[in-house]
Amino acid sequence: MKNIAVIGTGYVGLVTGTCFAETGNNVICVDIDENKVNQMKNGIVPIYEPGLDVLFDRNIKENRLKFTTNLKETVDKSDIIFLALPTPPGADGSADLSFVLGVGEDLGKIITNYKIIIDKSTVPVGTAEKVHTAVAKHAKVDFDIVSNPEFLREGFAIDDFMKPDRVVIGTSSDKAKKILSDLYKPFVRQGNPILFMDEKSAELTKYAANSFLATKITFMNEIANFCEIVGANVDDVRIGIGADDRIGKRFLFPGIGYGGSCFPKDVQALVKSGREKNFDFEIINAVLRVNDIQKIKLVDKLVNHYGDLKGLTFAMWGLAFKPDTDDIREAPALYIIDKLLILGANINAYDPEAMDNVKAIYKDKITFVDHQYDALNNADALLIVTEWGAFRNPDFNKIKNNLKAPKIFDGRNLYNLDDIQGKGFYYESIGRKTVLN
């Protein structure tokens, strides 16, 4: 059992704190938002993540998971301190480290004995050194700074934390290495590795991993776009290349681009880090450019089909950047909405979890409905933007009867072309032939 502080109760911080409590540790989560802290004390989970609520409730009841706004009291009671703070992108794409470095200075003023201070946030190469400098500015006792990047997929974060493919720890301290090896031992009982390396390599590992996955997604989207031009079927191409174990089957599904809290921010930050060292990531720059274009691919299809979109109404299924989350950061849906509004179209939107977050942005500029089929009323076509499970086996007769015309523009390739063929729809997807009703 270890005494752990997690500073920041966003997505990463809350999952991290809850999962460490689940393995018997005493965890205190700190946040400056008093209302949020009070909600969590009362058992309210502030984010949507499948399975988190069960662990959250259990560990609060077992008194292993606590919440507070008091940083000093938390630090006094903790030996290991995780920094799970926001590092939002600046206008130039660089990661804003002001929250991380600010808390580093605060910690330096209040630590009274040895602490391990861990960067859990995704941060640029060299951040551990900057945090060390910030803490050392005021600290009178020994401490270690460690880089321990997270590899959590929204919608699968609990499994990813409890059963990680690998744990990456960047530290030059033998003392920290021993303590963290013990901390993570319950999570790697099946033999997956704890990888120790220097701090800079650990920081770069996170950026490199996300940038590679973003590149893989974007490559497949380019192949899909070319499939449409030459008349190939991207489903067959995907299966054909995915069967090669050097390539693998994952992250090969074409669509309307990647979004979320990690890929866009991390890819931009890696490019910016390269520029600061006079290094140009040519491949990754291309990824950014192609992904921006792909996000509005559905709008391009609509314009090609209808011409003028002014006054037309589109049902939109899906607002979150991916299923099983309420996260709309850099979601393709937002780019599509913006473009459609500029072109004078109307939107009826539905999402199982993300509608409140989108309402906060658009207010009454678009119509939000409580049920997925209600979005179809008076709509000229259905747009599928997020691949929620509830959209995979719909009532096609109800779709056809509720729409003005039986037309579907599918940005996630949810439906098999052979299955949709006889249902009387005009159906456009990504990288596949158009089905005519």
Protein backbone atom coordinates (compact mmCIF):
# COMPACT_ATOMS: atom_id res chain seq x y z
CA MET A 1 0.00 0.00 0.00
CA LYS A 2 1.27 3.42 -1.00
CA ASN A 3 0.09 6.94 -0.29
CA ILE A 4 -0.55 8.69 -3.59
CA ALA A 5 -1.60 12.19 -4.60
CA VAL A 6 -3.07 12.92 -8.02
CA ILE A 7 -3.10 16.60 -8.89
CA GLY A 8 -5.79 17.27 -11.49
CA THR A 9 -9.05 15.34 -11.83
CA GLY A 10 -9.57 15.49 -15.55
CA TYR A 11 -9.84 12.37 -17.66
CA VAL A 12 -6.31 11.08 -16.97
CA GLY A 13 -6.18 12.12 -13.34
CA LEU A 14 -9.49 10.60 -12.33
CA VAL A 15 -8.85 7.29 -14.08
CA THR A 16 -5.31 7.15 -12.63
CA GLY A 17 -6.41 7.89 -9.09
CA THR A 18 -9.35 5.48 -9.17
CA CYS A 19 -7.33 2.60 -10.61
CA PHE A 20 -4.50 3.01 -8.09
CA ALA A 21 -7.09 3.00 -5.29
CA GLU A 22 -8.57 -0.19 -6.77
CA THR A 23 -5.26 -1.99 -6.10
CA GLY A 24 -5.28 -1.07 -2.39
CA ASN A 25 -3.45 2.26 -2.32
CA ASN A 26 -4.59 5.36 -0.46
CA VAL A 27 -5.26 8.03 -3.07
CA ILE A 28 -6.12 11.71 -2.66
CA CYS A 29 -7.15 13.60 -5.78
CA VAL A 30 -6.68 17.37 -5.76
CA ASP A 31 -8.46 19.93 -7.91
CA ILE A 32 -8.89 23.71 -7.71
CA ASP A 33 -12.55 23.45 -8.75
CA GLU A 34 -14.44 23.33 -5.45
CA ASN A 35 -17.79 22.47 -7.04
CA LYS A 36 -16.26 19.56 -8.91
CA VAL A 37 -14.56 18.29 -5.76
CA ASN A 38 -17.84 18.44 -3.83
CA GLN A 39 -19.59 16.52 -6.60
CA MET A 40 -16.96 13.79 -6.51
CA LYS A 41 -17.17 13.61 -2.71
CA ASN A 42 -20.87 12.94 -3.19
CA GLY A 43 -20.18 10.11 -5.62
CA ILE A 44 -20.80 11.97 -8.87
CA VAL A 45 -18.37 11.03 -11.66
CA PRO A 46 -17.71 14.19 -13.73
CA ILE A 47 -16.75 12.35 -16.94
CA TYR A 48 -18.29 9.52 -18.93
CA GLU A 49 -16.05 6.46 -19.12
CA PRO A 50 -17.46 2.90 -19.18
CA GLY A 51 -16.73 1.04 -15.94
CA LEU A 52 -15.28 4.02 -14.08
CA ASP A 53 -18.38 4.59 -11.95
CA VAL A 54 -18.20 1.10 -10.41
CA LEU A 55 -14.57 1.45 -9.31
CA PHE A 56 -15.17 5.06 -8.25
CA ASP A 57 -18.07 4.14 -5.94
CA ARG A 58 -16.32 1.11 -4.50
CA ASN A 59 -13.13 2.93 -3.56
CA ILE A 60 -14.92 5.91 -2.06
CA LYS A 61 -16.88 3.50 0.16
CA GLU A 62 -13.65 1.70 1.09
CA ASN A 63 -12.16 5.10 2.03
CA ARG A 64 -9.23 4.59 -0.34
CA LEU A 65 -10.23 7.38 -2.73
CA LYS A 66 -10.65 10.94 -1.45
CA PHE A 67 -11.02 14.40 -3.01
CA THR A 68 -9.90 17.81 -1.84
CA THR A 69 -8.86 21.31 -2.86
CA ASN A 70 -6.12 21.41 -0.21
CA LEU A 71 -2.78 20.83 -1.94
CA LYS A 72 -0.51 21.12 1.09
CA GLU A 73 -2.51 18.70 3.22
CA THR A 74 -2.54 16.20 0.36
CA VAL A 75 1.19 16.47 -0.29
CA ASP A 76 1.99 16.05 3.42
CA LYS A 77 0.08 12.76 3.42
CA SER A 78 1.55 11.42 0.15
CA ASP A 79 4.84 9.89 -0.94
CA ILE A 80 4.12 9.72 -4.68
CA ILE A 81 2.65 12.72 -6.48
CA PHE A 82 1.18 12.41 -9.98
CA LEU A 83 0.78 15.54 -12.09
CA ALA A 84 -2.27 15.00 -14.31
CA LEU A 85 -2.66 18.57 -15.43
CA PRO A 86 -3.84 20.05 -18.73
CA THR A 87 -1.24 20.86 -21.37
CA PRO A 88 -3.45 22.56 -23.98
CA PRO A 89 -2.03 23.48 -27.38
CA GLY A 90 -1.07 27.09 -27.93
CA ALA A 91 -1.75 29.00 -31.13
CA ASP A 92 1.50 27.64 -32.59
CA GLY A 93 0.74 24.03 -31.59
CA SER A 94 3.18 23.94 -28.67
CA ALA A 95 2.07 22.41 -25.38
CA ASP A 96 1.25 24.96 -22.69
CA LEU A 97 3.22 23.89 -19.61
CA SER A 98 2.11 26.73 -17.36
CA PHE A 99 -0.13 24.51 -15.21
CA VAL A 100 2.54 21.84 -14.81
CA LEU A 101 5.37 24.25 -14.01
CA GLY A 102 3.15 26.36 -11.75
CA VAL A 103 2.25 23.33 -9.63
CA GLY A 104 5.94 22.34 -9.68
CA GLU A 105 6.84 25.62 -7.98
CA ASP A 106 4.00 25.16 -5.49
CA LEU A 107 5.29 21.69 -4.61
CA GLY A 108 8.80 23.02 -4.06
CA LYS A 109 7.46 25.38 -1.41
CA ILE A 110 5.53 22.76 0.56
CA ILE A 111 7.38 19.41 0.41
CA THR A 112 9.11 18.61 3.70
CA ASN A 113 10.49 15.15 2.93
CA TYR A 114 11.47 13.03 -0.08
CA LYS A 115 8.79 12.82 -2.77
CA ILE A 116 8.52 11.22 -6.19
CA ILE A 117 6.88 13.74 -8.51
CA ILE A 118 5.58 12.16 -11.69
CA ASP A 119 4.58 13.78 -14.98
CA LYS A 120 1.50 11.79 -16.01
CA SER A 121 0.41 14.48 -18.46
CA THR A 122 1.61 14.23 -22.03
CA VAL A 123 4.48 16.70 -22.23
CA PRO A 124 7.23 17.64 -24.71
CA VAL A 125 10.75 16.28 -24.52
CA GLY A 126 12.70 18.10 -21.83
CA THR A 127 9.73 18.83 -19.56
CA ALA A 128 11.08 16.70 -16.69
CA GLU A 129 14.11 18.97 -16.55
CA LYS A 130 11.86 22.05 -16.46
CA VAL A 131 9.72 20.59 -13.69
CA HIS A 132 12.86 19.70 -11.74
CA THR A 133 14.04 23.30 -12.03
CA ALA A 134 10.63 24.61 -10.94
CA VAL A 135 10.51 22.39 -7.86
CA ALA A 136 14.18 22.96 -6.98
CA LYS A 137 13.65 26.73 -6.99
CA HIS A 138 12.08 26.44 -3.53
CA ALA A 139 12.60 22.86 -2.30
CA LYS A 140 14.80 22.22 0.75
CA VAL A 141 14.57 18.40 0.59
CA ASP A 142 15.42 15.68 -1.92
CA PHE A 143 12.92 14.71 -4.63
CA ASP A 144 12.85 12.86 -7.93
CA ILE A 145 11.06 13.87 -11.12
CA VAL A 146 9.78 10.98 -13.23
CA SER A 147 8.12 10.80 -16.64
CA ASN A 148 5.35 8.18 -16.72
CA PRO A 149 3.15 8.84 -19.77
CA GLU A 150 -0.35 7.43 -19.95
CA PHE A 151 -1.60 5.29 -22.85
CA LEU A 152 -5.34 5.39 -22.21
CA ARG A 153 -7.96 5.07 -24.93
CA GLU A 154 -11.19 6.84 -24.11
CA GLY A 155 -13.92 4.24 -23.86
CA PHE A 156 -11.39 1.58 -22.82
CA ALA A 157 -9.41 3.49 -20.18
CA ILE A 158 -10.12 1.20 -17.25
CA ASP A 159 -8.92 -1.90 -19.10
CA ASP A 160 -5.95 0.02 -20.49
CA PHE A 161 -4.87 1.10 -17.01
CA MET A 162 -5.59 -2.15 -15.20
CA LYS A 163 -4.10 -4.35 -17.94
CA PRO A 164 -1.55 -2.18 -19.77
CA ASP A 165 0.37 -3.34 -22.85
CA ARG A 166 3.39 -1.76 -21.20
CA VAL A 167 4.27 0.75 -18.50
CA VAL A 168 6.83 3.36 -19.54
CA ILE A 169 8.81 5.00 -16.74
CA GLY A 170 11.51 7.57 -17.37
CA THR A 171 13.84 8.04 -14.42
CA SER A 172 17.53 8.12 -13.59
CA SER A 173 16.86 7.41 -9.91
CA ASP A 174 17.31 3.87 -8.57
CA LYS A 175 15.20 4.78 -5.55
CA ALA A 176 12.28 5.94 -7.69
CA LYS A 177 12.69 2.92 -9.96
CA LYS A 178 12.29 0.52 -7.01
CA ILE A 179 9.25 2.28 -5.57
CA LEU A 180 7.46 2.57 -8.92
CA SER A 181 8.26 -1.01 -9.84
CA ASP A 182 6.42 -2.08 -6.69
CA LEU A 183 3.54 0.31 -7.41
CA TYR A 184 2.93 -1.06 -10.90
CA LYS A 185 3.57 -4.73 -10.13
CA PRO A 186 -0.15 -5.59 -9.68
CA PHE A 187 -0.91 -4.25 -13.16
CA VAL A 188 1.61 -6.42 -15.06
CA ARG A 189 1.04 -9.83 -13.48
CA GLN A 190 0.42 -11.32 -16.93
CA GLY A 191 3.98 -10.52 -17.94
CA ASN A 192 3.63 -7.27 -19.87
CA PRO A 193 6.73 -5.15 -19.38
CA ILE A 194 7.60 -2.20 -17.19
CA LEU A 195 10.02 -0.32 -19.44
CA PHE A 196 12.54 1.86 -17.63
CA MET A 197 14.38 4.50 -19.65
CA ASP A 198 15.64 8.04 -19.33
CA GLU A 199 13.14 10.85 -18.89
CA LYS A 200 13.49 12.32 -22.39
CA SER A 201 12.98 8.94 -24.05
CA ALA A 202 9.84 8.33 -22.00
CA GLU A 203 8.44 11.74 -22.97
CA LEU A 204 9.16 11.14 -26.65
CA THR A 205 7.71 7.60 -26.52
CA LYS A 206 4.22 8.99 -25.89
CA TYR A 207 4.40 11.55 -28.69
CA ALA A 208 5.91 9.02 -31.09
CA ALA A 209 3.25 6.39 -30.33
CA ASN A 210 0.32 8.74 -30.88
CA SER A 211 1.86 10.29 -33.98
CA PHE A 212 2.44 6.86 -35.50
CA LEU A 213 -1.17 5.82 -34.86
CA ALA A 214 -2.42 9.10 -36.30
CA THR A 215 -0.25 8.47 -39.35
CA LYS A 216 -1.70 4.98 -39.76
CA ILE A 217 -5.27 6.30 -39.62
CA THR A 218 -4.49 9.10 -42.05
CA PHE A 219 -2.71 6.79 -44.48
CA MET A 220 -5.78 4.57 -44.60
CA ASN A 221 -8.01 7.58 -45.21
CA GLU A 222 -5.87 8.56 -48.18
CA ILE A 223 -6.10 5.02 -49.54
CA ALA A 224 -9.90 5.19 -49.09
CA ASN A 225 -10.09 8.45 -51.02
CA PHE A 226 -8.08 6.92 -53.85
CA CYS A 227 -10.34 3.84 -53.79
CA GLU A 228 -13.28 6.09 -54.63
CA ILE A 229 -11.42 7.51 -57.63
CA VAL A 230 -10.34 4.17 -59.11
CA GLY A 231 -13.39 2.10 -58.11
CA ALA A 232 -11.67 -0.14 -55.54
CA ASN A 233 -13.25 -1.23 -52.25
CA VAL A 234 -11.37 -0.01 -49.18
CA ASP A 235 -12.86 -2.81 -47.04
CA ASP A 236 -11.06 -5.38 -49.17
CA VAL A 237 -7.86 -3.35 -49.23
CA ARG A 238 -7.96 -2.94 -45.44
CA ILE A 239 -8.38 -6.67 -44.87
CA GLY A 240 -5.69 -7.45 -47.43
CA ILE A 241 -3.01 -5.29 -45.84
CA GLY A 242 -4.12 -5.93 -42.26
CA ALA A 243 -3.47 -9.64 -42.66
CA ASP A 244 0.24 -8.80 -42.87
CA ASP A 245 1.41 -9.03 -39.26
CA ARG A 246 4.03 -6.38 -39.94
CA ILE A 247 1.15 -3.97 -40.46
CA GLY A 248 -1.59 -5.36 -38.20
CA LYS A 249 -5.35 -4.99 -38.32
CA ARG A 250 -5.83 -2.09 -35.92
CA PHE A 251 -6.19 1.59 -36.84
CA LEU A 252 -6.90 0.74 -40.48
CA PHE A 253 -10.58 1.66 -40.56
CA PRO A 254 -11.14 4.65 -42.82
CA GLY A 255 -13.44 7.47 -41.87
CA ILE A 256 -13.65 11.22 -41.40
CA GLY A 257 -10.41 11.79 -39.55
CA TYR A 258 -9.16 11.48 -36.00
CA GLY A 259 -10.04 13.83 -33.14
CA GLY A 260 -10.06 13.75 -29.36
CA SER A 261 -7.82 15.04 -26.62
CA CYS A 262 -4.63 13.22 -27.57
CA PHE A 263 -3.89 12.70 -31.25
CA PRO A 264 -4.44 16.27 -32.52
CA LYS A 265 -2.65 17.89 -29.58
CA ASP A 266 0.24 15.44 -29.45
CA VAL A 267 0.93 15.44 -33.18
CA GLN A 268 0.95 19.24 -33.26
CA ALA A 269 3.21 19.40 -30.22
CA LEU A 270 5.71 16.96 -31.74
CA VAL A 271 5.88 19.07 -34.90
CA LYS A 272 6.42 22.19 -32.80
CA SER A 273 9.14 20.47 -30.75
CA GLY A 274 10.88 19.58 -34.00
CA ARG A 275 10.75 23.15 -35.24
CA GLU A 276 12.32 24.37 -32.01
CA LYS A 277 15.30 22.13 -32.83
CA ASN A 278 15.30 23.07 -36.54
CA PHE A 279 13.92 19.64 -37.46
CA ASP A 280 11.03 19.27 -39.89
CA PHE A 281 8.71 16.27 -39.42
CA GLU A 282 7.66 16.09 -43.06
CA ILE A 283 5.49 12.96 -42.73
CA ILE A 284 3.71 14.25 -39.63
CA ASN A 285 3.09 17.64 -41.22
CA ALA A 286 1.37 15.80 -44.07
CA VAL A 287 -0.72 13.88 -41.54
CA LEU A 288 -1.98 17.12 -40.01
CA ARG A 289 -2.85 18.56 -43.40
CA VAL A 290 -4.66 15.46 -44.68
CA ASN A 291 -6.60 14.98 -41.43
CA ASP A 292 -7.91 18.55 -41.55
CA ILE A 293 -9.25 17.88 -45.05
CA GLN A 294 -10.72 14.50 -44.08
CA LYS A 295 -12.79 15.95 -41.25
CA ILE A 296 -15.10 17.71 -43.69
CA LYS A 297 -15.17 14.88 -46.25
CA LEU A 298 -18.89 14.35 -45.65
CA VAL A 299 -19.63 18.00 -46.40
CA ASP A 300 -17.74 17.68 -49.69
CA LYS A 301 -19.89 14.66 -50.54
CA LEU A 302 -23.05 16.60 -49.73
CA VAL A 303 -22.02 19.53 -51.92
CA ASN A 304 -21.15 17.18 -54.79
CA HIS A 305 -24.55 15.51 -54.46
CA TYR A 306 -26.87 18.46 -53.79
CA GLY A 307 -24.93 21.48 -55.00
CA ASP A 308 -26.44 24.26 -52.89
CA LEU A 309 -27.07 23.15 -49.28
CA LYS A 310 -28.91 26.28 -48.19
CA GLY A 311 -32.20 25.43 -46.49
CA LEU A 312 -31.57 21.68 -46.46
CA THR A 313 -31.83 19.79 -43.17
CA PHE A 314 -29.48 16.98 -42.19
CA ALA A 315 -29.87 14.45 -39.39
CA MET A 316 -26.56 13.91 -37.64
CA TRP A 317 -25.98 10.73 -35.67
CA GLY A 318 -22.94 11.14 -33.45
CA LEU A 319 -21.15 14.16 -31.96
CA ALA A 320 -18.39 12.69 -29.78
CA PHE A 321 -15.03 12.18 -31.45
CA LYS A 322 -15.43 8.42 -30.92
CA PRO A 323 -18.01 6.11 -29.32
CA ASP A 324 -18.18 5.39 -25.58
CA THR A 325 -17.14 8.89 -24.54
CA ASP A 326 -18.67 12.33 -24.17
CA ASP A 327 -15.45 13.97 -25.33
CA ILE A 328 -15.92 16.39 -28.25
CA ARG A 329 -12.40 17.84 -28.35
CA GLU A 330 -11.37 18.16 -32.01
CA ALA A 331 -14.34 15.97 -32.96
CA PRO A 332 -15.00 15.83 -36.72
CA ALA A 333 -18.66 16.55 -35.90
CA LEU A 334 -17.78 20.10 -34.84
CA TYR A 335 -15.98 20.79 -38.12
CA ILE A 336 -18.92 19.39 -40.07
CA ILE A 337 -21.42 21.47 -38.11
CA ASP A 338 -19.40 24.65 -38.63
CA LYS A 339 -19.15 24.05 -42.37
CA LEU A 340 -22.83 23.16 -42.77
CA LEU A 341 -23.92 26.26 -40.87
CA ILE A 342 -21.74 28.45 -43.09
CA LEU A 343 -23.40 26.84 -46.12
CA GLY A 344 -26.87 27.58 -44.74
CA ALA A 345 -27.93 24.04 -43.81
CA ASN A 346 -29.98 23.02 -40.77
CA ILE A 347 -28.93 20.22 -38.41
CA ASN A 348 -30.87 17.81 -36.19
CA ALA A 349 -28.29 16.22 -33.90
CA TYR A 350 -28.27 13.17 -31.63
CA ASP A 351 -25.54 11.57 -29.54
CA PRO A 352 -25.96 9.19 -26.57
CA GLU A 353 -23.53 11.11 -24.33
CA ALA A 354 -22.03 14.23 -25.91
CA MET A 355 -25.05 16.47 -26.58
CA ASP A 356 -24.71 18.64 -23.47
CA ASN A 357 -21.11 19.44 -24.38
CA VAL A 358 -22.11 20.42 -27.91
CA LYS A 359 -25.10 22.44 -26.68
CA ALA A 360 -22.70 24.54 -24.65
CA ILE A 361 -21.00 25.58 -27.90
CA TYR A 362 -23.86 25.96 -30.38
CA LYS A 363 -26.83 26.78 -28.14
CA ASP A 364 -29.88 27.05 -30.45
CA LYS A 365 -27.92 27.17 -33.73
CA ILE A 366 -28.71 23.50 -34.25
CA THR A 367 -31.55 21.26 -33.05
CA PHE A 368 -30.85 18.57 -30.46
CA VAL A 369 -33.19 15.58 -30.07
CA ASP A 370 -33.64 13.03 -27.31
CA HIS A 371 -33.85 9.95 -29.51
CA GLN A 372 -31.85 8.97 -32.57
CA TYR A 373 -34.87 8.51 -34.85
CA ASP A 374 -36.26 11.93 -33.90
CA ALA A 375 -33.28 13.48 -35.70
CA LEU A 376 -34.65 12.13 -38.98
CA ASN A 377 -37.87 14.15 -38.94
CA ASN A 378 -38.02 16.60 -41.87
CA ALA A 379 -34.38 15.80 -42.73
CA ASP A 380 -33.16 15.50 -46.30
CA ALA A 381 -30.50 12.90 -45.42
CA LEU A 382 -28.84 11.11 -42.53
CA LEU A 383 -25.19 11.75 -41.71
CA ILE A 384 -23.36 9.16 -39.60
CA VAL A 385 -20.48 10.84 -37.81
CA THR A 386 -19.66 8.67 -34.77
CA GLU A 387 -19.76 4.87 -34.78
CA TRP A 388 -21.84 4.29 -31.65
CA GLY A 389 -23.02 0.71 -31.24
CA ALA A 390 -26.65 1.85 -31.25
CA PHE A 391 -26.26 3.02 -34.86
CA ARG A 392 -24.91 -0.28 -36.21
CA ASN A 393 -28.22 -2.17 -36.45
CA PRO A 394 -30.91 0.46 -36.95
CA ASP A 395 -34.49 0.09 -38.13
CA PHE A 396 -33.93 0.93 -41.80
CA ASN A 397 -37.65 1.12 -42.49
CA LYS A 398 -38.01 3.77 -39.81
CA ILE A 399 -35.08 5.68 -41.28
CA LYS A 400 -36.64 5.54 -44.74
CA ASN A 401 -40.09 6.55 -43.54
CA ASN A 402 -38.89 9.47 -41.42
CA LEU A 403 -36.49 11.05 -43.91
CA LYS A 404 -37.72 13.23 -46.76
CA ALA A 405 -35.67 11.00 -49.07
CA PRO A 406 -33.90 7.70 -48.30
CA LYS A 407 -30.33 9.00 -48.32
CA ILE A 408 -27.45 8.12 -45.96
CA PHE A 409 -23.97 9.63 -45.97
CA ASP A 410 -21.89 7.39 -43.72
CA GLY A 411 -18.59 8.77 -42.45
CA ARG A 412 -17.79 5.59 -40.51
CA ASN A 413 -18.67 2.79 -42.96
CA LEU A 414 -21.06 1.19 -40.52
CA TYR A 415 -23.08 -0.80 -43.04
CA ASN A 416 -22.12 -3.63 -45.33
CA LEU A 417 -22.62 -2.67 -48.97
CA ASP A 418 -24.35 -5.95 -49.83
CA ASP A 419 -26.75 -5.54 -46.88
CA ILE A 420 -27.68 -1.98 -47.79
CA GLN A 421 -28.04 -2.77 -51.51
CA GLY A 422 -31.61 -3.98 -51.44
CA LYS A 423 -33.02 -1.59 -48.88
CA GLY A 424 -33.82 1.25 -51.25
CA PHE A 425 -31.29 3.81 -50.04
CA TYR A 426 -28.91 6.17 -51.75
CA TYR A 427 -25.82 5.39 -49.66
CA GLU A 428 -22.40 7.02 -49.75
CA SER A 429 -19.55 5.94 -47.47
CA ILE A 430 -15.77 6.34 -47.38
CA GLY A 431 -13.61 4.52 -49.93
CA ARG A 432 -16.43 2.36 -51.32
CA LYS A 433 -18.82 2.51 -54.24
CA THR A 434 -22.01 4.51 -53.93
CA VAL A 435 -25.18 2.46 -53.59
CA LEU A 436 -28.03 3.90 -55.66
CA ASN A 437 -31.63 3.33 -54.55
